[in-house]
Amino acid sequence: MGRCPACGRGPLFDGFLKRRTSCEACGFDLGGVETGDGAATFIMQIVGFLVGFSALAVEIAFSPPIWLHLIIWLPLVAGLALALMRPGKGLMTALQMLRQRGDDSPRETR
């Protein structure tokens, strides 16, 4: 995890989410693989679903005060989003790289 999708040896990230321009091990141009905001969009949807329905279930079952909801769910949203962002961006980078590699192959016409 966090390695170059082409060779699996070189590091993929320079910082927390800043992707390297090229792989140290194989020299693959990682700058040409653009993921945009895809990872952030998917992570927000996944975390929102998990935390939203968990908060709803806790509200229905126990009916805690609002301050307890805020203490529990806000840090959980931030923690999950930050924990899933780096693997999500790595996955989106690998998928985009595979898609671009597939675009280079000749296609069958019908």
N, C-alpha and C. Protein backbone atom coordinates (compact mmCIF):
# COMPACT_ATOMS: atom_id res chain seq x y z
N MET A 1 0.84 -1.17 0.00
CA MET A 1 0.00 0.00 0.00
C MET A 1 0.90 1.25 0.00
N GLY A 2 0.56 2.21 -0.81
CA GLY A 2 1.37 3.41 -0.91
C GLY A 2 2.58 3.24 -1.80
N ARG A 3 2.57 2.20 -2.64
CA ARG A 3 3.68 1.93 -3.54
C ARG A 3 3.27 2.21 -4.98
N CYS A 4 4.25 2.33 -5.84
CA CYS A 4 4.02 2.59 -7.26
C CYS A 4 3.14 1.48 -7.86
N PRO A 5 2.05 1.83 -8.54
CA PRO A 5 1.19 0.81 -9.14
C PRO A 5 1.86 0.06 -10.28
N ALA A 6 2.88 0.63 -10.88
CA ALA A 6 3.54 -0.02 -12.01
C ALA A 6 4.50 -1.13 -11.56
N CYS A 7 5.30 -0.86 -10.51
CA CYS A 7 6.30 -1.84 -10.10
C CYS A 7 6.08 -2.38 -8.69
N GLY A 8 5.37 -1.64 -7.83
CA GLY A 8 5.13 -2.09 -6.46
C GLY A 8 6.30 -1.88 -5.52
N ARG A 9 7.35 -1.21 -5.96
CA ARG A 9 8.53 -1.02 -5.12
C ARG A 9 8.69 0.42 -4.64
N GLY A 10 8.62 1.38 -5.53
CA GLY A 10 8.87 2.77 -5.17
C GLY A 10 7.68 3.39 -4.45
N PRO A 11 7.93 4.39 -3.60
CA PRO A 11 6.84 5.06 -2.90
C PRO A 11 5.96 5.86 -3.86
N LEU A 12 4.67 5.88 -3.58
CA LEU A 12 3.71 6.59 -4.43
C LEU A 12 3.55 8.04 -4.00
N PHE A 13 3.66 8.29 -2.70
CA PHE A 13 3.39 9.63 -2.17
C PHE A 13 4.66 10.30 -1.67
N ASP A 14 4.68 11.64 -1.82
CA ASP A 14 5.77 12.47 -1.32
C ASP A 14 5.45 12.97 0.09
N GLY A 15 4.21 13.25 0.35
CA GLY A 15 3.74 13.69 1.66
C GLY A 15 2.53 12.88 2.02
N PHE A 16 1.54 13.51 2.68
CA PHE A 16 0.34 12.77 3.06
C PHE A 16 -0.49 12.40 1.83
N LEU A 17 -0.76 13.38 0.96
CA LEU A 17 -1.54 13.12 -0.24
C LEU A 17 -0.87 13.58 -1.53
N LYS A 18 0.30 14.16 -1.42
CA LYS A 18 0.99 14.64 -2.63
C LYS A 18 1.67 13.47 -3.32
N ARG A 19 1.23 13.22 -4.54
CA ARG A 19 1.78 12.11 -5.31
C ARG A 19 3.10 12.52 -5.94
N ARG A 20 4.05 11.60 -5.99
CA ARG A 20 5.34 11.86 -6.64
C ARG A 20 5.14 12.05 -8.14
N THR A 21 6.07 12.74 -8.76
CA THR A 21 5.97 12.95 -10.20
C THR A 21 6.42 11.72 -10.97
N SER A 22 7.36 10.95 -10.41
CA SER A 22 7.81 9.71 -11.04
C SER A 22 8.27 8.74 -9.96
N CYS A 23 8.27 7.47 -10.31
CA CYS A 23 8.66 6.42 -9.38
C CYS A 23 10.19 6.37 -9.28
N GLU A 24 10.70 6.27 -8.05
CA GLU A 24 12.15 6.17 -7.85
C GLU A 24 12.70 4.85 -8.38
N ALA A 25 11.92 3.80 -8.28
CA ALA A 25 12.42 2.47 -8.63
C ALA A 25 12.38 2.19 -10.14
N CYS A 26 11.22 2.46 -10.78
CA CYS A 26 11.09 2.09 -12.19
C CYS A 26 11.06 3.28 -13.13
N GLY A 27 10.93 4.50 -12.60
CA GLY A 27 10.91 5.69 -13.44
C GLY A 27 9.57 5.97 -14.10
N PHE A 28 8.52 5.23 -13.71
CA PHE A 28 7.20 5.45 -14.31
C PHE A 28 6.72 6.87 -14.03
N ASP A 29 6.17 7.53 -15.04
CA ASP A 29 5.69 8.91 -14.92
C ASP A 29 4.34 8.92 -14.22
N LEU A 30 4.36 9.19 -12.92
CA LEU A 30 3.12 9.26 -12.15
C LEU A 30 2.41 10.59 -12.35
N GLY A 31 3.10 11.59 -12.87
CA GLY A 31 2.50 12.89 -13.13
C GLY A 31 1.46 12.85 -14.23
N GLY A 32 1.55 11.87 -15.12
CA GLY A 32 0.60 11.75 -16.21
C GLY A 32 -0.70 11.07 -15.80
N VAL A 33 -0.75 10.54 -14.60
CA VAL A 33 -1.95 9.86 -14.10
C VAL A 33 -2.71 10.85 -13.24
N GLU A 34 -3.83 11.34 -13.73
CA GLU A 34 -4.61 12.36 -13.02
C GLU A 34 -5.89 11.75 -12.47
N THR A 35 -6.07 11.83 -11.16
CA THR A 35 -7.26 11.25 -10.54
C THR A 35 -8.32 12.30 -10.20
N GLY A 36 -7.95 13.56 -10.18
CA GLY A 36 -8.92 14.61 -9.84
C GLY A 36 -9.41 14.46 -8.40
N ASP A 37 -10.69 14.70 -8.20
CA ASP A 37 -11.29 14.63 -6.88
C ASP A 37 -12.06 13.33 -6.66
N GLY A 38 -11.80 12.33 -7.49
CA GLY A 38 -12.54 11.08 -7.40
C GLY A 38 -12.43 10.41 -6.05
N ALA A 39 -11.21 10.34 -5.51
CA ALA A 39 -11.01 9.69 -4.21
C ALA A 39 -11.78 10.40 -3.11
N ALA A 40 -11.69 11.72 -3.08
CA ALA A 40 -12.39 12.48 -2.04
C ALA A 40 -13.90 12.30 -2.14
N THR A 41 -14.41 12.25 -3.35
CA THR A 41 -15.85 12.06 -3.54
C THR A 41 -16.30 10.71 -3.01
N PHE A 42 -15.59 9.66 -3.35
CA PHE A 42 -15.97 8.33 -2.88
C PHE A 42 -15.81 8.21 -1.37
N ILE A 43 -14.75 8.77 -0.81
CA ILE A 43 -14.53 8.70 0.63
C ILE A 43 -15.63 9.44 1.37
N MET A 44 -16.03 10.61 0.89
CA MET A 44 -17.12 11.36 1.54
C MET A 44 -18.42 10.57 1.52
N GLN A 45 -18.70 9.90 0.42
CA GLN A 45 -19.93 9.11 0.34
C GLN A 45 -19.88 7.90 1.27
N ILE A 46 -18.76 7.21 1.31
CA ILE A 46 -18.63 6.03 2.17
C ILE A 46 -18.71 6.41 3.64
N VAL A 47 -17.94 7.41 4.05
CA VAL A 47 -17.93 7.84 5.45
C VAL A 47 -19.28 8.43 5.83
N GLY A 48 -19.88 9.21 4.95
CA GLY A 48 -21.19 9.79 5.23
C GLY A 48 -22.25 8.73 5.44
N PHE A 49 -22.22 7.70 4.61
CA PHE A 49 -23.17 6.60 4.77
C PHE A 49 -22.97 5.87 6.10
N LEU A 50 -21.71 5.50 6.38
CA LEU A 50 -21.43 4.75 7.60
C LEU A 50 -21.79 5.54 8.86
N VAL A 51 -21.31 6.77 8.94
CA VAL A 51 -21.54 7.57 10.14
C VAL A 51 -22.99 8.04 10.22
N GLY A 52 -23.57 8.41 9.10
CA GLY A 52 -24.97 8.87 9.12
C GLY A 52 -25.93 7.81 9.60
N PHE A 53 -25.81 6.61 9.05
CA PHE A 53 -26.73 5.56 9.48
C PHE A 53 -26.39 5.03 10.87
N SER A 54 -25.13 5.08 11.27
CA SER A 54 -24.76 4.71 12.64
C SER A 54 -25.35 5.70 13.64
N ALA A 55 -25.26 6.99 13.33
CA ALA A 55 -25.83 8.01 14.21
C ALA A 55 -27.35 7.86 14.28
N LEU A 56 -27.97 7.55 13.17
CA LEU A 56 -29.41 7.35 13.17
C LEU A 56 -29.80 6.14 14.02
N ALA A 57 -29.06 5.05 13.91
CA ALA A 57 -29.35 3.86 14.70
C ALA A 57 -29.17 4.13 16.20
N VAL A 58 -28.11 4.86 16.56
CA VAL A 58 -27.88 5.20 17.97
C VAL A 58 -28.99 6.12 18.47
N GLU A 59 -29.41 7.07 17.65
CA GLU A 59 -30.49 7.99 18.05
C GLU A 59 -31.79 7.23 18.29
N ILE A 60 -32.12 6.30 17.42
CA ILE A 60 -33.36 5.53 17.56
C ILE A 60 -33.29 4.61 18.78
N ALA A 61 -32.15 3.96 18.97
CA ALA A 61 -32.03 2.98 20.06
C ALA A 61 -31.88 3.62 21.44
N PHE A 62 -31.07 4.68 21.55
CA PHE A 62 -30.74 5.22 22.87
C PHE A 62 -31.18 6.65 23.11
N SER A 63 -31.42 7.41 22.08
CA SER A 63 -31.82 8.81 22.15
C SER A 63 -30.91 9.65 23.06
N PRO A 64 -29.60 9.69 22.75
CA PRO A 64 -28.68 10.49 23.58
C PRO A 64 -28.84 11.98 23.28
N PRO A 65 -28.33 12.84 24.16
CA PRO A 65 -28.40 14.29 23.89
C PRO A 65 -27.52 14.67 22.69
N ILE A 66 -27.83 15.81 22.11
CA ILE A 66 -27.14 16.24 20.89
C ILE A 66 -25.65 16.44 21.11
N TRP A 67 -25.26 16.93 22.31
CA TRP A 67 -23.84 17.15 22.57
C TRP A 67 -23.07 15.84 22.53
N LEU A 68 -23.68 14.74 22.92
CA LEU A 68 -23.02 13.44 22.87
C LEU A 68 -22.85 12.98 21.42
N HIS A 69 -23.86 13.24 20.60
CA HIS A 69 -23.73 12.95 19.17
C HIS A 69 -22.55 13.71 18.58
N LEU A 70 -22.43 14.99 18.90
CA LEU A 70 -21.34 15.80 18.36
C LEU A 70 -19.98 15.30 18.83
N ILE A 71 -19.88 14.89 20.08
CA ILE A 71 -18.61 14.40 20.61
C ILE A 71 -18.21 13.07 19.96
N ILE A 72 -19.19 12.25 19.64
CA ILE A 72 -18.90 10.93 19.06
C ILE A 72 -18.70 11.02 17.55
N TRP A 73 -19.65 11.61 16.84
CA TRP A 73 -19.69 11.48 15.38
C TRP A 73 -18.77 12.43 14.63
N LEU A 74 -18.57 13.65 15.10
CA LEU A 74 -17.69 14.58 14.37
C LEU A 74 -16.24 14.10 14.32
N PRO A 75 -15.65 13.70 15.46
CA PRO A 75 -14.28 13.16 15.36
C PRO A 75 -14.21 11.87 14.55
N LEU A 76 -15.27 11.06 14.60
CA LEU A 76 -15.29 9.82 13.82
C LEU A 76 -15.30 10.12 12.32
N VAL A 77 -16.07 11.10 11.91
CA VAL A 77 -16.10 11.50 10.49
C VAL A 77 -14.71 11.97 10.05
N ALA A 78 -14.10 12.85 10.84
CA ALA A 78 -12.78 13.37 10.47
C ALA A 78 -11.74 12.26 10.45
N GLY A 79 -11.75 11.40 11.46
CA GLY A 79 -10.78 10.31 11.52
C GLY A 79 -10.91 9.32 10.38
N LEU A 80 -12.15 8.91 10.09
CA LEU A 80 -12.37 7.97 8.99
C LEU A 80 -11.99 8.57 7.65
N ALA A 81 -12.36 9.82 7.44
CA ALA A 81 -12.05 10.47 6.16
C ALA A 81 -10.53 10.57 5.97
N LEU A 82 -9.82 10.96 7.01
CA LEU A 82 -8.36 11.06 6.89
C LEU A 82 -7.71 9.68 6.74
N ALA A 83 -8.24 8.69 7.45
CA ALA A 83 -7.65 7.34 7.38
C ALA A 83 -7.88 6.70 6.01
N LEU A 84 -9.00 6.98 5.37
CA LEU A 84 -9.32 6.36 4.08
C LEU A 84 -8.83 7.15 2.87
N MET A 85 -8.43 8.41 3.07
CA MET A 85 -8.08 9.25 1.93
C MET A 85 -6.83 8.76 1.19
N ARG A 86 -5.79 8.42 1.91
CA ARG A 86 -4.55 8.00 1.25
C ARG A 86 -4.73 6.67 0.50
N PRO A 87 -5.32 5.62 1.12
CA PRO A 87 -5.57 4.40 0.34
C PRO A 87 -6.52 4.64 -0.83
N GLY A 88 -7.51 5.51 -0.64
CA GLY A 88 -8.44 5.82 -1.73
C GLY A 88 -7.76 6.50 -2.89
N LYS A 89 -6.86 7.43 -2.60
CA LYS A 89 -6.15 8.12 -3.68
C LYS A 89 -5.19 7.16 -4.38
N GLY A 90 -4.55 6.27 -3.62
CA GLY A 90 -3.69 5.26 -4.23
C GLY A 90 -4.48 4.33 -5.14
N LEU A 91 -5.67 3.92 -4.69
CA LEU A 91 -6.51 3.06 -5.50
C LEU A 91 -6.97 3.77 -6.77
N MET A 92 -7.38 5.02 -6.65
CA MET A 92 -7.81 5.77 -7.82
C MET A 92 -6.65 5.98 -8.80
N THR A 93 -5.44 6.17 -8.29
CA THR A 93 -4.27 6.31 -9.15
C THR A 93 -4.02 5.02 -9.93
N ALA A 94 -4.08 3.89 -9.22
CA ALA A 94 -3.86 2.60 -9.88
C ALA A 94 -4.94 2.31 -10.92
N LEU A 95 -6.20 2.59 -10.59
CA LEU A 95 -7.29 2.34 -11.54
C LEU A 95 -7.18 3.24 -12.77
N GLN A 96 -6.82 4.49 -12.55
CA GLN A 96 -6.65 5.42 -13.68
C GLN A 96 -5.47 4.98 -14.56
N MET A 97 -4.41 4.50 -13.91
CA MET A 97 -3.26 4.02 -14.68
C MET A 97 -3.65 2.81 -15.53
N LEU A 98 -4.41 1.90 -14.97
CA LEU A 98 -4.87 0.74 -15.73
C LEU A 98 -5.79 1.14 -16.88
N ARG A 99 -6.65 2.12 -16.63
CA ARG A 99 -7.55 2.60 -17.69
C ARG A 99 -6.76 3.24 -18.81
N GLN A 100 -5.77 4.05 -18.47
CA GLN A 100 -4.95 4.69 -19.50
C GLN A 100 -4.15 3.66 -20.27
N ARG A 101 -3.67 2.65 -19.57
CA ARG A 101 -2.91 1.59 -20.25
C ARG A 101 -3.83 0.84 -21.21
N GLY A 102 -5.08 0.64 -20.82
CA GLY A 102 -6.05 -0.04 -21.68
C GLY A 102 -6.44 0.78 -22.88
N ASP A 103 -6.37 2.11 -22.78
CA ASP A 103 -6.71 2.98 -23.91
C ASP A 103 -5.68 2.88 -25.02
N ASP A 104 -4.45 2.49 -24.69
CA ASP A 104 -3.40 2.38 -25.70
C ASP A 104 -3.52 1.13 -26.56
N SER A 105 -4.25 0.13 -26.06
CA SER A 105 -4.35 -1.12 -26.81
C SER A 105 -5.34 -0.97 -27.95
N PRO A 106 -5.13 -1.67 -29.05
CA PRO A 106 -6.06 -1.57 -30.19
C PRO A 106 -7.42 -2.16 -29.82
N ARG A 107 -8.46 -1.53 -30.27
CA ARG A 107 -9.81 -1.98 -29.97
C ARG A 107 -10.41 -2.70 -31.17
N GLU A 108 -11.24 -3.65 -30.86
CA GLU A 108 -11.90 -4.42 -31.90
C GLU A 108 -13.09 -3.60 -32.41
N THR A 109 -13.21 -3.49 -33.71
CA THR A 109 -14.34 -2.78 -34.29
C THR A 109 -15.35 -3.79 -34.80
N ARG A 110 -16.60 -3.43 -34.74
CA ARG A 110 -17.67 -4.35 -35.18
C ARG A 110 -18.38 -3.79 -36.37
